[in-house]
C-alpha atoms as a PDB file:
ATOM      1  CA  MET A   1       0.000   0.000   0.000  1.00  0.00           C
ATOM      2  CA  ASN A   2       1.266   3.444  -0.743  1.00  0.00           C
ATOM      3  CA  LYS A   3       1.596   6.200   1.838  1.00  0.00           C
ATOM      4  CA  LYS A   4      -1.557   8.157   0.844  1.00  0.00           C
ATOM      5  CA  VAL A   5      -3.844   5.119   1.108  1.00  0.00           C
ATOM      6  CA  ARG A   6      -2.499   4.214   4.555  1.00  0.00           C
ATOM      7  CA  MET A   7      -2.996   7.809   5.709  1.00  0.00           C
ATOM      8  CA  LEU A   8      -6.573   7.843   4.372  1.00  0.00           C
ATOM      9  CA  VAL A   9      -7.394   4.530   6.090  1.00  0.00           C
ATOM     10  CA  GLY A  10      -5.893   5.801   9.369  1.00  0.00           C
ATOM     11  CA  VAL A  11      -7.895   9.054   9.288  1.00  0.00           C
ATOM     12  CA  ALA A  12     -11.089   7.179   8.393  1.00  0.00           C
ATOM     13  CA  LEU A  13     -10.532   4.796  11.299  1.00  0.00           C
ATOM     14  CA  VAL A  14     -10.010   7.674  13.765  1.00  0.00           C
ATOM     15  CA  VAL A  15     -13.163   9.431  12.507  1.00  0.00           C
ATOM     16  CA  LEU A  16     -15.160   6.199  12.814  1.00  0.00           C
ATOM     17  CA  VAL A  17     -13.988   5.569  16.388  1.00  0.00           C
ATOM     18  CA  MET A  18     -14.784   9.163  17.374  1.00  0.00           C
ATOM     19  CA  GLY A  19     -18.254   8.855  15.837  1.00  0.00           C
ATOM     20  CA  VAL A  20     -18.975   5.658  17.794  1.00  0.00           C
ATOM     21  CA  LEU A  21     -17.795   7.238  21.064  1.00  0.00           C
ATOM     22  CA  PHE A  22     -19.867  10.346  20.391  1.00  0.00           C
ATOM     23  CA  ALA A  23     -22.985   8.256  19.703  1.00  0.00           C
ATOM     24  CA  GLN A  24     -22.442   6.217  22.894  1.00  0.00           C
ATOM     25  CA  GLY A  25     -22.291   9.422  24.927  1.00  0.00           C
ATOM     26  CA  PHE A  26     -25.740  10.470  23.754  1.00  0.00           C
ATOM     27  CA  LYS A  27     -27.685   7.293  24.387  1.00  0.00           C
ATOM     28  CA  ALA A  28     -31.108   7.927  26.003  1.00  0.00           C
ATOM     29  CA  ASP A  29     -30.216   5.831  29.049  1.00  0.00           C
ATOM     30  CA  GLY A  30     -26.855   7.491  29.485  1.00  0.00           C
ATOM     31  CA  GLY A  31     -25.633  10.989  30.119  1.00  0.00           C
ATOM     32  CA  VAL A  32     -28.303  12.994  28.303  1.00  0.00           C
ATOM     33  CA  GLY A  33     -31.729  12.679  29.828  1.00  0.00           C
ATOM     34  CA  VAL A  34     -35.186  13.731  28.880  1.00  0.00           C
ATOM     35  CA  TYR A  35     -36.329  16.959  30.561  1.00  0.00           C
ATOM     36  CA  LEU A  36     -39.673  16.400  32.280  1.00  0.00           C
ATOM     37  CA  THR A  37     -41.819  18.311  34.726  1.00  0.00           C
ATOM     38  CA  LEU A  38     -42.539  16.495  38.000  1.00  0.00           C
ATOM     39  CA  GLU A  39     -46.085  15.827  36.819  1.00  0.00           C
ATOM     40  CA  GLU A  40     -44.885  14.334  33.505  1.00  0.00           C
ATOM     41  CA  ALA A  41     -42.267  12.241  35.293  1.00  0.00           C
ATOM     42  CA  LEU A  42     -44.790  10.806  37.740  1.00  0.00           C
ATOM     43  CA  ALA A  43     -47.159   9.950  34.880  1.00  0.00           C
ATOM     44  CA  LYS A  44     -44.386   8.062  33.037  1.00  0.00           C
ATOM     45  CA  VAL A  45     -42.525   6.540  35.989  1.00  0.00           C
ATOM     46  CA  GLU A  46     -43.951   3.035  35.529  1.00  0.00           C
ATOM     47  CA  GLN A  47     -43.285   2.759  31.807  1.00  0.00           C
ATOM     48  CA  ASP A  48     -39.951   4.618  31.771  1.00  0.00           C
ATOM     49  CA  SER A  49     -38.563   3.864  35.228  1.00  0.00           C
ATOM     50  CA  ASP A  50     -35.118   2.970  33.903  1.00  0.00           C
ATOM     51  CA  LYS A  51     -34.666   6.118  31.790  1.00  0.00           C
ATOM     52  CA  PHE A  52     -32.359   8.970  32.747  1.00  0.00           C
ATOM     53  CA  VAL A  53     -34.411  12.141  33.293  1.00  0.00           C
ATOM     54  CA  GLN A  54     -33.955  15.756  34.318  1.00  0.00           C
ATOM     55  CA  MET A  55     -36.523  17.546  36.487  1.00  0.00           C
ATOM     56  CA  GLU A  56     -36.819  20.945  38.088  1.00  0.00           C
ATOM     57  CA  GLY A  57     -38.627  21.803  41.285  1.00  0.00           C
ATOM     58  CA  ASN A  58     -38.455  23.469  44.675  1.00  0.00           C
ATOM     59  CA  VAL A  59     -36.971  21.856  47.771  1.00  0.00           C
ATOM     60  CA  ILE A  60     -39.164  21.392  50.830  1.00  0.00           C
ATOM     61  CA  ASN A  61     -36.574  22.482  53.407  1.00  0.00           C
ATOM     62  CA  ALA A  62     -38.467  21.021  56.391  1.00  0.00           C
ATOM     63  CA  ASN A  63     -37.970  17.495  54.989  1.00  0.00           C
ATOM     64  CA  THR A  64     -34.262  17.845  54.099  1.00  0.00           C
ATOM     65  CA  LYS A  65     -31.763  15.504  55.765  1.00  0.00           C
ATOM     66  CA  TYR A  66     -28.012  15.686  55.181  1.00  0.00           C
ATOM     67  CA  ASP A  67     -25.334  13.365  56.541  1.00  0.00           C
ATOM     68  CA  SER A  68     -21.910  14.839  55.769  1.00  0.00           C
ATOM     69  CA  SER A  69     -20.089  11.713  56.964  1.00  0.00           C
ATOM     70  CA  LYS A  70     -21.431   9.567  54.069  1.00  0.00           C
ATOM     71  CA  PRO A  71     -22.181  12.164  52.257  1.00  0.00           C
ATOM     72  CA  LEU A  72     -25.910  11.675  51.702  1.00  0.00           C
ATOM     73  CA  LEU A  73     -28.581  14.269  50.977  1.00  0.00           C
ATOM     74  CA  VAL A  74     -32.273  13.317  51.067  1.00  0.00           C
ATOM     75  CA  PHE A  75     -34.969  15.886  50.333  1.00  0.00           C
ATOM     76  CA  ASP A  76     -38.452  16.318  48.908  1.00  0.00           C
ATOM     77  CA  LEU A  77     -38.859  18.069  45.564  1.00  0.00           C
ATOM     78  CA  THR A  78     -42.158  19.724  44.648  1.00  0.00           C
ATOM     79  CA  ASP A  79     -43.766  21.629  41.816  1.00  0.00           C
ATOM     80  CA  GLY A  80     -46.552  22.877  44.064  1.00  0.00           C
ATOM     81  CA  LYS A  81     -48.830  19.889  43.377  1.00  0.00           C
ATOM     82  CA  ASN A  82     -46.613  16.812  43.359  1.00  0.00           C
ATOM     83  CA  ILE A  83     -43.854  15.663  45.705  1.00  0.00           C
ATOM     84  CA  ILE A  84     -40.942  13.340  44.909  1.00  0.00           C
ATOM     85  CA  LYS A  85     -38.381  12.049  47.424  1.00  0.00           C
ATOM     86  CA  VAL A  86     -34.854  12.604  46.075  1.00  0.00           C
ATOM     87  CA  THR A  87     -31.680  10.885  47.258  1.00  0.00           C
ATOM     88  CA  PHE A  88     -28.329  12.392  46.273  1.00  0.00           C
ATOM     89  CA  ASN A  89     -25.168  10.483  47.246  1.00  0.00           C
ATOM     90  CA  ASP A  90     -22.752  13.385  47.180  1.00  0.00           C
ATOM     91  CA  VAL A  91     -21.841  16.619  48.923  1.00  0.00           C
ATOM     92  CA  LYS A  92     -24.640  19.165  49.377  1.00  0.00           C
ATOM     93  CA  PRO A  93     -24.101  22.200  47.104  1.00  0.00           C
ATOM     94  CA  ASP A  94     -23.163  25.388  48.962  1.00  0.00           C
ATOM     95  CA  ASN A  95     -26.227  27.300  47.783  1.00  0.00           C
ATOM     96  CA  PHE A  96     -28.668  24.405  48.251  1.00  0.00           C
ATOM     97  CA  ASP A  97     -30.508  26.133  51.132  1.00  0.00           C
ATOM     98  CA  SER A  98     -30.897  29.399  49.186  1.00  0.00           C
ATOM     99  CA  GLY A  99     -34.539  28.781  48.304  1.00  0.00           C
ATOM    100  CA  TYR A 100     -33.891  28.684  44.571  1.00  0.00           C
ATOM    101  CA  PRO A 101     -35.241  25.894  42.344  1.00  0.00           C
ATOM    102  CA  VAL A 102     -33.032  22.868  41.798  1.00  0.00           C
ATOM    103  CA  ILE A 103     -32.497  20.620  38.790  1.00  0.00           C
ATOM    104  CA  VAL A 104     -31.986  16.914  39.449  1.00  0.00           C
ATOM    105  CA  GLU A 105     -30.684  14.403  36.919  1.00  0.00           C
ATOM    106  CA  GLY A 106     -30.981  10.667  37.469  1.00  0.00           C
ATOM    107  CA  LYS A 107     -33.427   7.751  37.547  1.00  0.00           C
ATOM    108  CA  PHE A 108     -36.488   6.688  39.482  1.00  0.00           C
ATOM    109  CA  THR A 109     -35.970   3.901  42.014  1.00  0.00           C
ATOM    110  CA  GLY A 110     -39.604   3.678  43.054  1.00  0.00           C
ATOM    111  CA  GLU A 111     -42.974   5.244  42.335  1.00  0.00           C
ATOM    112  CA  LYS A 112     -42.115   8.574  43.994  1.00  0.00           C
ATOM    113  CA  GLU A 113     -38.442   7.985  44.774  1.00  0.00           C
ATOM    114  CA  PHE A 114     -35.648   9.400  42.656  1.00  0.00           C
ATOM    115  CA  LEU A 115     -31.890   8.760  42.762  1.00  0.00           C
ATOM    116  CA  ALA A 116     -30.102  11.895  41.562  1.00  0.00           C
ATOM    117  CA  GLU A 117     -26.687  11.547  39.963  1.00  0.00           C
ATOM    118  CA  LYS A 118     -26.393  15.326  39.520  1.00  0.00           C
ATOM    119  CA  LEU A 119     -27.881  18.199  41.485  1.00  0.00           C
ATOM    120  CA  LYS A 120     -27.786  21.806  40.312  1.00  0.00           C
ATOM    121  CA  VAL A 121     -29.152  24.855  42.107  1.00  0.00           C
ATOM    122  CA  LYS A 122     -30.589  27.497  39.813  1.00  0.00           C
ATOM    123  CA  CYS A 123     -29.722  31.112  40.460  1.00  0.00           C
ATOM    124  CA  PRO A 124     -31.987  33.390  38.433  1.00  0.00           C
ATOM    125  CA  SER A 125     -30.189  35.930  36.271  1.00  0.00           C
ATOM    126  CA  LYS A 126     -32.870  38.454  37.269  1.00  0.00           C
ATOM    127  CA  TYR A 127     -31.687  38.166  40.871  1.00  0.00           C
ATOM    128  CA  GLU A 128     -28.073  38.619  39.790  1.00  0.00           C
ATOM    129  CA  GLU A 129     -28.954  41.811  37.864  1.00  0.00           C
ATOM    130  CA  GLU A 130     -30.995  43.198  40.781  1.00  0.00           C
ATOM    131  CA  GLN A 131     -28.211  42.332  43.221  1.00  0.00           C
ATOM    132  CA  ALA A 132     -25.690  44.193  41.042  1.00  0.00           C
ATOM    133  CA  THR A 133     -27.837  47.336  41.199  1.00  0.00           C
ATOM    134  CA  GLY A 134     -28.702  46.759  44.870  1.00  0.00           C
ATOM    135  CA  GLU A 135     -32.466  46.460  44.256  1.00  0.00           C
ATOM    136  CA  GLY A 136     -33.300  42.827  45.030  1.00  0.00           C
ATOM    137  CA  SER A 137     -33.019  40.370  47.830  1.00  0.00           C
ATOM    138  CA  PRO A 138     -32.979  36.579  47.851  1.00  0.00           C
ATOM    139  CA  PRO A 139     -36.275  34.755  48.388  1.00  0.00           C
ATOM    140  CA  ALA A 140     -37.408  34.050  51.934  1.00  0.00           C
ATOM    141  CA  LYS A 141     -36.551  30.650  53.346  1.00  0.00           C
END
């Protein structure tokens, strides 16, 4: 084989491997989940219990338990109508108790039980703009 053909085969092989790895990263049961409201998630929990999902809601602070020795965070997430118990096996985010909505990513382990692999606390850009001008204050706890 001449040098150009070997180079072309090598580049094609690298592109093929990268394409396969890229496709594996975006599988529905992997790292990219379906964004659902709590109500939609509860309606689909039986048929799609093994799917990776993302949900947003507000934390019910009275029901929050955190054990820093494990670390383990258990809390209730609500949209105002529905409540889901969330377990997060990692360190509690610094701004978790701020009163802002949170986004959880993970899978259901029961009818109203959710195991979060990722936990993000939203911080509204409106609040950031108001804070910069000195007009706003964070929501009440």
